[in-house]
Amino acid sequence: MQKRWHAGNNRLAVFVIGTLSLAAWWFHAGRKGKRWRDSVPEEDRWEDFLGI
């Protein structure tokens, strides 16, 4: 019982840390790319961002 709880706890910790780091990266990238996005026409933004 104790082992199973510990494994689940580790998985939760990894999920939380991963989510936080992704959110931090997204926020940082969004702030950094704001000026770049403003110079791109509205219809081209998502295509360029996704690399299509």
Foldseek 3Di string as FASTA:
>chain_A
DVVVVVVVVVVVVVVVVVVVVVVVVVVVCCVVCVVVQVVDDPVCNVCVVVVD
